[in-house]
Amino acid sequence: MEELIIQHCNKLKFGGRIVENYKKITAETHEEFLEKLLRMEVEAREINLKNRLLKNACFDVIKTFENYSFDDI
């Protein structure tokens, strides 16, 4: 059964994340299962897109507000 799922995912160009993630999901209905599976895929694709865009931008250093001191403002 897993081999069929892999074949279908490859044909639909879903990648290997769905095959890895579907085993981890517990849901009471088919709709809930599908929603969780698709949400995981969308979140992973959004993260990959952001990382790819940051890499393509060729920034020297990625800065965040984590260590910024707002005391001087």
C-alpha atoms as a PDB file:
ATOM      1  CA  MET A   1       0.000   0.000   0.000  1.00  0.00           C
ATOM      2  CA  GLU A   2       2.814   2.423   0.849  1.00  0.00           C
ATOM      3  CA  GLU A   3       4.396   1.812  -2.552  1.00  0.00           C
ATOM      4  CA  LEU A   4       1.138   2.811  -4.258  1.00  0.00           C
ATOM      5  CA  ILE A   5       0.960   5.979  -2.170  1.00  0.00           C
ATOM      6  CA  ILE A   6       4.543   6.831  -3.152  1.00  0.00           C
ATOM      7  CA  GLN A   7       3.744   6.271  -6.834  1.00  0.00           C
ATOM      8  CA  HIS A   8       0.640   8.477  -6.658  1.00  0.00           C
ATOM      9  CA  CYS A   9       2.530  11.231  -4.810  1.00  0.00           C
ATOM     10  CA  ASN A  10       5.297  11.150  -7.405  1.00  0.00           C
ATOM     11  CA  LYS A  11       2.800  11.300 -10.247  1.00  0.00           C
ATOM     12  CA  LEU A  12       1.042  14.276  -8.618  1.00  0.00           C
ATOM     13  CA  LYS A  13       4.418  15.878  -7.749  1.00  0.00           C
ATOM     14  CA  PHE A  14       3.694  15.971  -4.008  1.00  0.00           C
ATOM     15  CA  GLY A  15       7.164  14.811  -3.002  1.00  0.00           C
ATOM     16  CA  GLY A  16       8.102  12.558  -0.143  1.00  0.00           C
ATOM     17  CA  ARG A  17       6.781  14.635   2.755  1.00  0.00           C
ATOM     18  CA  ILE A  18       3.258  13.306   2.399  1.00  0.00           C
ATOM     19  CA  VAL A  19       4.473   9.730   2.589  1.00  0.00           C
ATOM     20  CA  GLU A  20       6.450  10.600   5.729  1.00  0.00           C
ATOM     21  CA  ASN A  21       3.661  12.605   7.373  1.00  0.00           C
ATOM     22  CA  TYR A  22       0.522  10.571   6.747  1.00  0.00           C
ATOM     23  CA  LYS A  23       1.587   7.917   9.250  1.00  0.00           C
ATOM     24  CA  LYS A  24       1.887  10.513  12.032  1.00  0.00           C
ATOM     25  CA  ILE A  25      -1.639  11.912  11.679  1.00  0.00           C
ATOM     26  CA  THR A  26      -4.499  10.796  13.865  1.00  0.00           C
ATOM     27  CA  ALA A  27      -7.978  11.968  12.917  1.00  0.00           C
ATOM     28  CA  GLU A  28     -11.555  10.946  13.496  1.00  0.00           C
ATOM     29  CA  THR A  29     -12.801  11.624   9.963  1.00  0.00           C
ATOM     30  CA  HIS A  30     -11.365  11.426   6.481  1.00  0.00           C
ATOM     31  CA  GLU A  31     -11.873  15.145   6.036  1.00  0.00           C
ATOM     32  CA  GLU A  32      -9.927  15.942   9.202  1.00  0.00           C
ATOM     33  CA  PHE A  33      -7.105  13.626   8.121  1.00  0.00           C
ATOM     34  CA  LEU A  34      -6.925  15.211   4.669  1.00  0.00           C
ATOM     35  CA  GLU A  35      -7.011  18.744   6.097  1.00  0.00           C
ATOM     36  CA  LYS A  36      -4.137  17.996   8.498  1.00  0.00           C
ATOM     37  CA  LEU A  37      -2.087  16.328   5.779  1.00  0.00           C
ATOM     38  CA  LEU A  38      -2.589  19.192   3.322  1.00  0.00           C
ATOM     39  CA  ARG A  39      -1.904  21.817   6.011  1.00  0.00           C
ATOM     40  CA  MET A  40       1.421  20.142   6.818  1.00  0.00           C
ATOM     41  CA  GLU A  41       2.355  20.176   3.132  1.00  0.00           C
ATOM     42  CA  VAL A  42       1.375  23.852   2.688  1.00  0.00           C
ATOM     43  CA  GLU A  43       3.371  24.887   5.771  1.00  0.00           C
ATOM     44  CA  ALA A  44       6.436  22.968   4.585  1.00  0.00           C
ATOM     45  CA  ARG A  45       6.207  24.534   1.119  1.00  0.00           C
ATOM     46  CA  GLU A  46       5.888  28.035   2.601  1.00  0.00           C
ATOM     47  CA  ILE A  47       8.996  27.470   4.729  1.00  0.00           C
ATOM     48  CA  ASN A  48      10.901  26.141   1.721  1.00  0.00           C
ATOM     49  CA  LEU A  49       9.835  29.152  -0.361  1.00  0.00           C
ATOM     50  CA  LYS A  50      10.994  31.623   2.300  1.00  0.00           C
ATOM     51  CA  ASN A  51      14.323  29.830   2.660  1.00  0.00           C
ATOM     52  CA  ARG A  52      14.817  29.727  -1.112  1.00  0.00           C
ATOM     53  CA  LEU A  53      14.030  33.448  -1.450  1.00  0.00           C
ATOM     54  CA  LEU A  54      16.426  34.326   1.361  1.00  0.00           C
ATOM     55  CA  LYS A  55      19.139  32.239  -0.245  1.00  0.00           C
ATOM     56  CA  ASN A  56      18.568  33.836  -3.653  1.00  0.00           C
ATOM     57  CA  ALA A  57      18.724  37.324  -2.107  1.00  0.00           C
ATOM     58  CA  CYS A  58      22.372  36.653  -1.112  1.00  0.00           C
ATOM     59  CA  PHE A  59      22.163  38.593   2.150  1.00  0.00           C
ATOM     60  CA  ASP A  60      25.418  38.705   4.099  1.00  0.00           C
ATOM     61  CA  VAL A  61      23.745  38.304   7.482  1.00  0.00           C
ATOM     62  CA  ILE A  62      20.122  37.562   8.268  1.00  0.00           C
ATOM     63  CA  LYS A  63      19.021  39.875  11.064  1.00  0.00           C
ATOM     64  CA  THR A  64      16.095  39.309  13.395  1.00  0.00           C
ATOM     65  CA  PHE A  65      14.594  41.202  16.319  1.00  0.00           C
ATOM     66  CA  GLU A  66      15.469  38.455  18.805  1.00  0.00           C
ATOM     67  CA  ASN A  67      18.585  40.135  20.218  1.00  0.00           C
ATOM     68  CA  TYR A  68      17.662  43.732  19.427  1.00  0.00           C
ATOM     69  CA  SER A  69      17.484  46.123  22.358  1.00  0.00           C
ATOM     70  CA  PHE A  70      14.509  48.480  22.220  1.00  0.00           C
ATOM     71  CA  ASP A  71      15.712  50.450  25.253  1.00  0.00           C
ATOM     72  CA  ASP A  72      17.121  53.348  23.182  1.00  0.00           C
ATOM     73  CA  ILE A  73      13.862  53.976  21.376  1.00  0.00           C
END
